[in-house]
C-alpha atoms as a PDB file:
ATOM      1  CA  GLY A   1       0.000   0.000   0.000  1.00  0.00           C
ATOM      2  CA  TYR A   2       2.905   2.339   0.604  1.00  0.00           C
ATOM      3  CA  TYR A   3       3.891   2.102  -3.071  1.00  0.00           C
ATOM      4  CA  PHE A   4       0.588   3.620  -4.204  1.00  0.00           C
ATOM      5  CA  ALA A   5       1.413   6.808  -2.285  1.00  0.00           C
ATOM      6  CA  LEU A   6       4.893   7.085  -3.801  1.00  0.00           C
ATOM      7  CA  ALA A   7       4.538   6.043  -7.442  1.00  0.00           C
ATOM      8  CA  PRO A   8       2.149   8.846  -8.539  1.00  0.00           C
ATOM      9  CA  LEU A   9       4.369  11.433  -6.810  1.00  0.00           C
ATOM     10  CA  LEU A  10       7.479  10.080  -8.513  1.00  0.00           C
ATOM     11  CA  ILE A  11       5.874   9.952 -11.956  1.00  0.00           C
ATOM     12  CA  ARG A  12       4.407  13.443 -11.593  1.00  0.00           C
ATOM     13  CA  ILE A  13       7.713  15.031 -10.510  1.00  0.00           C
ATOM     14  CA  ASN A  14       9.508  13.215 -13.331  1.00  0.00           C
ATOM     15  CA  SER A  15       6.967  14.516 -15.861  1.00  0.00           C
ATOM     16  CA  ILE A  16       7.374  18.084 -14.579  1.00  0.00           C
ATOM     17  CA  ASN A  17      11.167  17.904 -14.904  1.00  0.00           C
ATOM     18  CA  LYS A  18      10.849  16.432 -18.394  1.00  0.00           C
ATOM     19  CA  LEU A  19       8.548  19.275 -19.450  1.00  0.00           C
ATOM     20  CA  LEU A  20      10.940  21.893 -18.058  1.00  0.00           C
ATOM     21  CA  ALA A  21      13.960  20.314 -19.755  1.00  0.00           C
ATOM     22  CA  SER A  22      12.130  20.153 -23.081  1.00  0.00           C
ATOM     23  CA  GLY A  23      11.017  23.773 -22.698  1.00  0.00           C
ATOM     24  CA  LYS A  24      14.605  24.952 -22.256  1.00  0.00           C
ATOM     25  CA  GLN A  25      15.549  23.190 -25.488  1.00  0.00           C
ATOM     26  CA  MET A  26      12.492  24.584 -27.273  1.00  0.00           C
ATOM     27  CA  ARG A  27      11.236  21.053 -27.948  1.00  0.00           C
ATOM     28  CA  ARG A  28       7.596  20.040 -27.914  1.00  0.00           C
ATOM     29  CA  VAL A  29       6.705  17.215 -25.550  1.00  0.00           C
ATOM     30  CA  LYS A  30       3.391  15.503 -24.914  1.00  0.00           C
ATOM     31  CA  VAL A  31       2.484  13.991 -21.553  1.00  0.00           C
ATOM     32  CA  GLY A  32      -0.298  11.470 -22.071  1.00  0.00           C
ATOM     33  CA  LYS A  33      -2.589  10.419 -19.260  1.00  0.00           C
ATOM     34  CA  ARG A  34      -2.623   6.842 -20.556  1.00  0.00           C
ATOM     35  CA  ARG A  35       1.150   6.567 -20.378  1.00  0.00           C
ATOM     36  CA  LEU A  36       1.244   7.906 -16.816  1.00  0.00           C
ATOM     37  CA  LEU A  37      -1.409   5.455 -15.675  1.00  0.00           C
ATOM     38  CA  LEU A  38       0.348   2.549 -17.384  1.00  0.00           C
ATOM     39  CA  SER A  39       3.563   3.416 -15.539  1.00  0.00           C
ATOM     40  CA  VAL A  40       1.766   3.226 -12.190  1.00  0.00           C
ATOM     41  CA  PHE A  41       0.005   0.015 -13.239  1.00  0.00           C
ATOM     42  CA  ALA A  42       3.271  -1.687 -14.248  1.00  0.00           C
ATOM     43  CA  GLY A  43       4.841  -0.905 -10.891  1.00  0.00           C
ATOM     44  CA  THR A  44       1.699  -2.111  -9.141  1.00  0.00           C
ATOM     45  CA  CYS A  45       1.946  -5.471 -10.904  1.00  0.00           C
ATOM     46  CA  LEU A  46       5.531  -5.864  -9.674  1.00  0.00           C
ATOM     47  CA  VAL A  47       4.507  -5.100  -6.096  1.00  0.00           C
ATOM     48  CA  VAL A  48       1.574  -7.522  -6.235  1.00  0.00           C
ATOM     49  CA  ALA A  49       3.817 -10.264  -7.645  1.00  0.00           C
ATOM     50  CA  TYR A  50       6.375  -9.705  -4.865  1.00  0.00           C
ATOM     51  CA  VAL A  51       3.761  -9.818  -2.112  1.00  0.00           C
ATOM     52  CA  ALA A  52       2.234 -12.981  -3.618  1.00  0.00           C
ATOM     53  CA  LEU A  53       5.667 -14.639  -3.752  1.00  0.00           C
ATOM     54  CA  TRP A  54       6.390 -13.570  -0.161  1.00  0.00           C
ATOM     55  CA  THR A  55       3.075 -15.017   1.026  1.00  0.00           C
ATOM     56  CA  ALA A  56       3.565 -18.305  -0.858  1.00  0.00           C
ATOM     57  CA  VAL A  57       7.195 -18.931   0.091  1.00  0.00           C
ATOM     58  CA  ASP A  58       7.397 -17.537   3.629  1.00  0.00           C
ATOM     59  CA  PRO A  59       3.909 -16.646   4.914  1.00  0.00           C
ATOM     60  CA  PRO A  60       3.624 -14.671   8.173  1.00  0.00           C
ATOM     61  CA  THR A  61       2.783 -16.977  11.079  1.00  0.00           C
ATOM     62  CA  ARG A  62       2.289 -16.719  14.805  1.00  0.00           C
ATOM     63  CA  ARG A  63       5.672 -16.678  16.524  1.00  0.00           C
ATOM     64  CA  ASN A  64       6.540 -16.720  20.218  1.00  0.00           C
ATOM     65  CA  GLU A  65       9.265 -14.842  22.058  1.00  0.00           C
ATOM     66  CA  TYR A  66      10.378 -16.208  25.452  1.00  0.00           C
ATOM     67  CA  GLU A  67      12.227 -14.168  28.057  1.00  0.00           C
ATOM     68  CA  ILE A  68      13.565 -15.497  31.384  1.00  0.00           C
ATOM     69  CA  SER A  69      13.350 -13.046  34.259  1.00  0.00           C
ATOM     70  CA  GLU A  70      16.343 -12.499  36.520  1.00  0.00           C
ATOM     71  CA  GLY A  71      14.456 -12.772  39.812  1.00  0.00           C
ATOM     72  CA  LEU A  72      12.256 -15.443  41.356  1.00  0.00           C
ATOM     73  CA  ASN A  73       8.533 -15.293  42.018  1.00  0.00           C
ATOM     74  CA  GLU A  74       6.926 -15.687  45.442  1.00  0.00           C
ATOM     75  CA  ASP A  75       7.021 -19.473  45.070  1.00  0.00           C
ATOM     76  CA  GLY A  76      10.765 -19.429  44.415  1.00  0.00           C
ATOM     77  CA  HIS A  77      10.465 -20.315  40.739  1.00  0.00           C
ATOM     78  CA  THR A  78      11.971 -18.599  37.700  1.00  0.00           C
ATOM     79  CA  THR A  79       9.401 -16.678  35.626  1.00  0.00           C
ATOM     80  CA  VAL A  80       9.339 -17.074  31.852  1.00  0.00           C
ATOM     81  CA  THR A  81       7.468 -14.401  29.886  1.00  0.00           C
ATOM     82  CA  LYS A  82       5.911 -15.472  26.585  1.00  0.00           C
ATOM     83  CA  THR A  83       5.124 -12.826  23.944  1.00  0.00           C
ATOM     84  CA  ALA A  84       3.333 -13.611  20.676  1.00  0.00           C
ATOM     85  CA  TYR A  85       3.783 -11.700  17.432  1.00  0.00           C
ATOM     86  CA  CYS A  86       3.267 -12.214  13.690  1.00  0.00           C
ATOM     87  CA  GLY A  87       6.254 -12.557  11.381  1.00  0.00           C
ATOM     88  CA  SER A  88       7.985 -14.505   8.601  1.00  0.00           C
ATOM     89  CA  GLU A  89      10.805 -16.986   9.032  1.00  0.00           C
ATOM     90  CA  SER A  90      13.299 -14.788   7.186  1.00  0.00           C
ATOM     91  CA  ASN A  91      13.798 -11.071   7.723  1.00  0.00           C
ATOM     92  CA  ALA A  92      15.116 -10.652   4.163  1.00  0.00           C
ATOM     93  CA  TRP A  93      11.621 -10.068   2.747  1.00  0.00           C
ATOM     94  CA  GLN A  94      10.986  -7.019   4.920  1.00  0.00           C
ATOM     95  CA  THR A  95      14.513  -5.726   4.282  1.00  0.00           C
ATOM     96  CA  ALA A  96      14.000  -5.991   0.517  1.00  0.00           C
ATOM     97  CA  ASN A  97      10.626  -4.268   0.871  1.00  0.00           C
ATOM     98  CA  VAL A  98      12.056  -1.240   2.696  1.00  0.00           C
ATOM     99  CA  ALA A  99      15.094  -1.146   0.386  1.00  0.00           C
ATOM    100  CA  TRP A 100      12.728  -0.981  -2.624  1.00  0.00           C
ATOM    101  CA  GLN A 101      10.899   1.948  -1.028  1.00  0.00           C
ATOM    102  CA  LEU A 102      14.210   3.703  -0.359  1.00  0.00           C
ATOM    103  CA  LEU A 103      15.275   3.199  -3.976  1.00  0.00           C
ATOM    104  CA  ILE A 104      12.061   4.788  -5.229  1.00  0.00           C
ATOM    105  CA  LEU A 105      12.387   7.621  -2.728  1.00  0.00           C
ATOM    106  CA  PHE A 106      16.036   8.228  -3.599  1.00  0.00           C
ATOM    107  CA  VAL A 107      15.164   8.710  -7.260  1.00  0.00           C
ATOM    108  CA  ALA A 108      12.181  10.871  -6.272  1.00  0.00           C
ATOM    109  CA  SER A 109      14.358  12.951  -3.926  1.00  0.00           C
ATOM    110  CA  VAL A 110      16.845  13.647  -6.733  1.00  0.00           C
ATOM    111  CA  LEU A 111      13.988  14.781  -8.973  1.00  0.00           C
ATOM    112  CA  ALA A 112      12.497  16.854  -6.140  1.00  0.00           C
ATOM    113  CA  PHE A 113      15.878  18.531  -5.600  1.00  0.00           C
ATOM    114  CA  MET A 114      15.944  19.439  -9.277  1.00  0.00           C
ATOM    115  CA  VAL A 115      12.491  21.016  -8.960  1.00  0.00           C
ATOM    116  CA  SER A 116      13.654  23.168  -6.037  1.00  0.00           C
ATOM    117  CA  HIS A 117      15.923  25.088  -8.445  1.00  0.00           C
ATOM    118  CA  VAL A 118      13.128  25.865 -10.885  1.00  0.00           C
ATOM    119  CA  PRO A 119      11.651  29.408 -10.821  1.00  0.00           C
ATOM    120  CA  PRO A 120       8.252  29.460  -9.041  1.00  0.00           C
ATOM    121  CA  ASN A 121       6.455  30.946 -12.046  1.00  0.00           C
ATOM    122  CA  LEU A 122       7.317  27.892 -14.177  1.00  0.00           C
ATOM    123  CA  ILE A 123       5.754  25.228 -11.944  1.00  0.00           C
ATOM    124  CA  GLN A 124       2.461  24.605 -10.206  1.00  0.00           C
ATOM    125  CA  ALA A 125       2.000  26.083  -6.767  1.00  0.00           C
ATOM    126  CA  ASP A 126       1.889  22.689  -5.046  1.00  0.00           C
ATOM    127  CA  THR A 127       5.043  21.308  -6.691  1.00  0.00           C
ATOM    128  CA  ARG A 128       7.452  22.517  -3.996  1.00  0.00           C
ATOM    129  CA  PRO A 129       5.340  21.104  -1.114  1.00  0.00           C
ATOM    130  CA  LEU A 130       5.210  17.901  -3.143  1.00  0.00           C
ATOM    131  CA  SER A 131       9.009  17.860  -3.281  1.00  0.00           C
ATOM    132  CA  ALA A 132       9.200  18.428   0.487  1.00  0.00           C
ATOM    133  CA  LEU A 133       6.751  15.562   0.975  1.00  0.00           C
ATOM    134  CA  ILE A 134       8.970  13.209  -1.021  1.00  0.00           C
ATOM    135  CA  MET A 135      12.028  14.133   1.055  1.00  0.00           C
ATOM    136  CA  ALA A 136      10.043  13.557   4.258  1.00  0.00           C
ATOM    137  CA  HIS A 137       9.065  10.102   2.968  1.00  0.00           C
ATOM    138  CA  PHE A 138      12.739   9.367   2.302  1.00  0.00           C
ATOM    139  CA  PHE A 139      13.691  10.346   5.868  1.00  0.00           C
ATOM    140  CA  PHE A 140      11.065   8.119   7.474  1.00  0.00           C
ATOM    141  CA  SER A 141      11.864   5.212   5.149  1.00  0.00           C
ATOM    142  CA  THR A 142      15.493   5.466   6.246  1.00  0.00           C
ATOM    143  CA  LEU A 143      14.345   5.133   9.857  1.00  0.00           C
ATOM    144  CA  ARG A 144      12.286   2.065   8.961  1.00  0.00           C
ATOM    145  CA  LEU A 145      15.215   0.448   7.179  1.00  0.00           C
ATOM    146  CA  ALA A 146      17.463   1.071  10.202  1.00  0.00           C
ATOM    147  CA  LEU A 147      14.847  -0.540  12.438  1.00  0.00           C
ATOM    148  CA  VAL A 148      14.649  -3.577  10.159  1.00  0.00           C
ATOM    149  CA  LEU A 149      18.441  -3.968  10.131  1.00  0.00           C
ATOM    150  CA  LEU A 150      18.470  -3.831  13.961  1.00  0.00           C
ATOM    151  CA  HIS A 151      15.757  -6.477  14.160  1.00  0.00           C
ATOM    152  CA  ASP A 152      17.993  -9.048  15.892  1.00  0.00           C
ATOM    153  CA  SER A 153      19.023  -6.645  18.659  1.00  0.00           C
ATOM    154  CA  VAL A 154      15.556  -5.199  19.329  1.00  0.00           C
ATOM    155  CA  ASP A 155      12.640  -6.992  20.963  1.00  0.00           C
ATOM    156  CA  PRO A 156      10.215  -8.025  18.155  1.00  0.00           C
ATOM    157  CA  VAL A 157       7.168  -6.597  19.927  1.00  0.00           C
ATOM    158  CA  MET A 158       8.936  -3.280  20.576  1.00  0.00           C
ATOM    159  CA  SER A 159      10.207  -3.292  16.985  1.00  0.00           C
ATOM    160  CA  MET A 160       6.634  -3.515  15.676  1.00  0.00           C
ATOM    161  CA  ALA A 161       5.593  -0.728  18.055  1.00  0.00           C
ATOM    162  CA  TYR A 162       8.433   1.514  16.869  1.00  0.00           C
ATOM    163  CA  MET A 163       7.532   0.751  13.241  1.00  0.00           C
ATOM    164  CA  ALA A 164       3.926   1.752  13.892  1.00  0.00           C
ATOM    165  CA  LEU A 165       5.013   5.020  15.566  1.00  0.00           C
ATOM    166  CA  ILE A 166       7.286   5.866  12.620  1.00  0.00           C
ATOM    167  CA  MET A 167       4.463   5.290  10.135  1.00  0.00           C
ATOM    168  CA  ILE A 168       2.017   7.366  12.221  1.00  0.00           C
ATOM    169  CA  ALA A 169       4.538  10.213  12.384  1.00  0.00           C
ATOM    170  CA  GLU A 170       5.072   9.941   8.627  1.00  0.00           C
ATOM    171  CA  CYS A 171       1.340  10.216   7.928  1.00  0.00           C
ATOM    172  CA  PHE A 172       1.041  13.228  10.258  1.00  0.00           C
ATOM    173  CA  VAL A 173       3.975  15.025   8.605  1.00  0.00           C
ATOM    174  CA  ALA A 174       2.506  14.285   5.159  1.00  0.00           C
ATOM    175  CA  MET A 175      -0.798  15.863   6.172  1.00  0.00           C
ATOM    176  CA  VAL A 176       0.935  18.954   7.581  1.00  0.00           C
ATOM    177  CA  ILE A 177       3.201  19.428   4.548  1.00  0.00           C
ATOM    178  CA  PHE A 178       0.778  18.681   1.735  1.00  0.00           C
ATOM    179  CA  ILE A 179      -2.766  17.598   2.616  1.00  0.00           C
ATOM    180  CA  PHE A 180      -3.831  20.396   5.004  1.00  0.00           C
ATOM    181  CA  PRO A 181      -2.423  23.234   2.811  1.00  0.00           C
ATOM    182  CA  LYS A 182      -4.128  21.633  -0.195  1.00  0.00           C
ATOM    183  CA  LEU A 183      -7.478  21.538   1.596  1.00  0.00           C
ATOM    184  CA  ALA A 184      -7.042  25.134   2.740  1.00  0.00           C
ATOM    185  CA  ALA A 185      -6.244  26.249  -0.815  1.00  0.00           C
ATOM    186  CA  ASN A 186      -9.243  24.385  -2.239  1.00  0.00           C
ATOM    187  CA  SER A 187     -11.578  25.988   0.299  1.00  0.00           C
ATOM    188  CA  GLU A 188     -10.610  29.380  -1.120  1.00  0.00           C
ATOM    189  CA  LEU A 189     -11.673  28.295  -4.576  1.00  0.00           C
ATOM    190  CA  VAL A 190     -15.343  27.994  -3.691  1.00  0.00           C
ATOM    191  CA  GLU A 191     -16.939  30.708  -5.780  1.00  0.00           C
ATOM    192  CA  ASP A 192     -20.305  31.382  -7.323  1.00  0.00           C
ATOM    193  CA  GLU A 193     -20.471  29.437 -10.587  1.00  0.00           C
ATOM    194  CA  SER A 194     -23.962  30.660 -11.454  1.00  0.00           C
ATOM    195  CA  ALA A 195     -22.670  33.356 -13.817  1.00  0.00           C
ATOM    196  CA  THR A 196     -22.940  32.170 -17.412  1.00  0.00           C
ATOM    197  CA  MET A 197     -19.931  32.109 -19.678  1.00  0.00           C
ATOM    198  CA  PRO A 198     -20.315  33.674 -23.134  1.00  0.00           C
ATOM    199  CA  ASP A 199     -19.826  31.403 -26.135  1.00  0.00           C
ATOM    200  CA  LEU A 200     -18.756  34.166 -28.501  1.00  0.00           C
ATOM    201  CA  TYR A 201     -17.157  37.596 -28.326  1.00  0.00           C
ATOM    202  CA  VAL A 202     -17.871  39.589 -31.470  1.00  0.00           C
ATOM    203  CA  ARG A 203     -15.242  42.242 -30.718  1.00  0.00           C
ATOM    204  CA  THR A 204     -12.100  40.946 -29.001  1.00  0.00           C
ATOM    205  CA  THR A 205      -8.790  42.533 -28.047  1.00  0.00           C
ATOM    206  CA  VAL A 206      -5.762  40.287 -27.531  1.00  0.00           C
ATOM    207  CA  LEU A 207      -3.256  41.501 -24.925  1.00  0.00           C
ATOM    208  CA  GLN A 208       0.099  39.739 -24.625  1.00  0.00           C
ATOM    209  CA  ALA A 209       1.570  40.377 -21.181  1.00  0.00           C
ATOM    210  CA  GLN A 210       3.620  38.832 -18.369  1.00  0.00           C
ATOM    211  CA  ILE A 211       1.728  38.905 -15.052  1.00  0.00           C
ATOM    212  CA  LYS A 212       3.875  38.249 -12.003  1.00  0.00           C
ATOM    213  CA  GLY A 213       2.672  35.230 -10.000  1.00  0.00           C
ATOM    214  CA  PHE A 214      -0.039  34.388 -12.514  1.00  0.00           C
ATOM    215  CA  SER A 215       1.178  30.837 -13.227  1.00  0.00           C
ATOM    216  CA  ALA A 216       1.082  29.850  -9.557  1.00  0.00           C
ATOM    217  CA  TRP A 217      -2.296  31.555  -9.015  1.00  0.00           C
ATOM    218  CA  SER A 218      -3.993  30.112 -12.090  1.00  0.00           C
ATOM    219  CA  SER A 219      -2.712  26.566 -11.448  1.00  0.00           C
ATOM    220  CA  LEU A 220      -4.996  26.331  -8.402  1.00  0.00           C
ATOM    221  CA  ARG A 221      -8.161  27.578 -10.114  1.00  0.00           C
ATOM    222  CA  GLU A 222     -10.648  26.379 -12.672  1.00  0.00           C
ATOM    223  CA  PRO A 223     -10.343  27.771 -16.235  1.00  0.00           C
ATOM    224  CA  ALA A 224     -13.693  29.544 -15.943  1.00  0.00           C
ATOM    225  CA  THR A 225     -12.532  31.354 -12.792  1.00  0.00           C
ATOM    226  CA  VAL A 226      -9.299  32.473 -14.487  1.00  0.00           C
ATOM    227  CA  PHE A 227     -11.263  33.604 -17.541  1.00  0.00           C
ATOM    228  CA  ARG A 228     -13.658  35.757 -15.501  1.00  0.00           C
ATOM    229  CA  PHE A 229     -10.794  37.235 -13.511  1.00  0.00           C
ATOM    230  CA  LEU A 230      -8.979  38.330 -16.671  1.00  0.00           C
END
């Protein structure tokens, strides 16, 4: 499920960089919706195949962790604590899973870094927060990979608890960086759409001008709203 949050971001940032590079070379480029969706679908098939192989070869089962206490109970006997958790026989599957996420995020972080050097008037207003979101994902994925590599030296139950806390923190940071600002921006776009749009202007004047901040402003609004504003 984590892949579905990353793949569209990666493909979108890559498409933006490709458009900017083509624009500098005065080359025409076409970004097709079908091609973007097929890219996400191909990656999804790989993830599904990996999870199916993981489940067939080394399915998660109930596992027990035993710990002998140092002291004695009131009856003079040694206490053994039994803790149950769910896991696979080999830890390599989870390591490969997190490493795959880090690989995707590393590529996305490089692309996001490239976007940070693009003038604001050439990109959509939410592109920079999107880049910051990708870098935040990379940071938290690094923490998860470190936790997986320390699996043998950390109690399995505590390891799962730490993993859950990292993922909760990652979701919260993602909402603060991208989701909440996006919702706030969309709430400002609620306008009266009852005004009719004309189908034909008999007398029309064409003005060619550069309006500062117009690209960022218009990228968050519907075409009809931009048309009425102009």
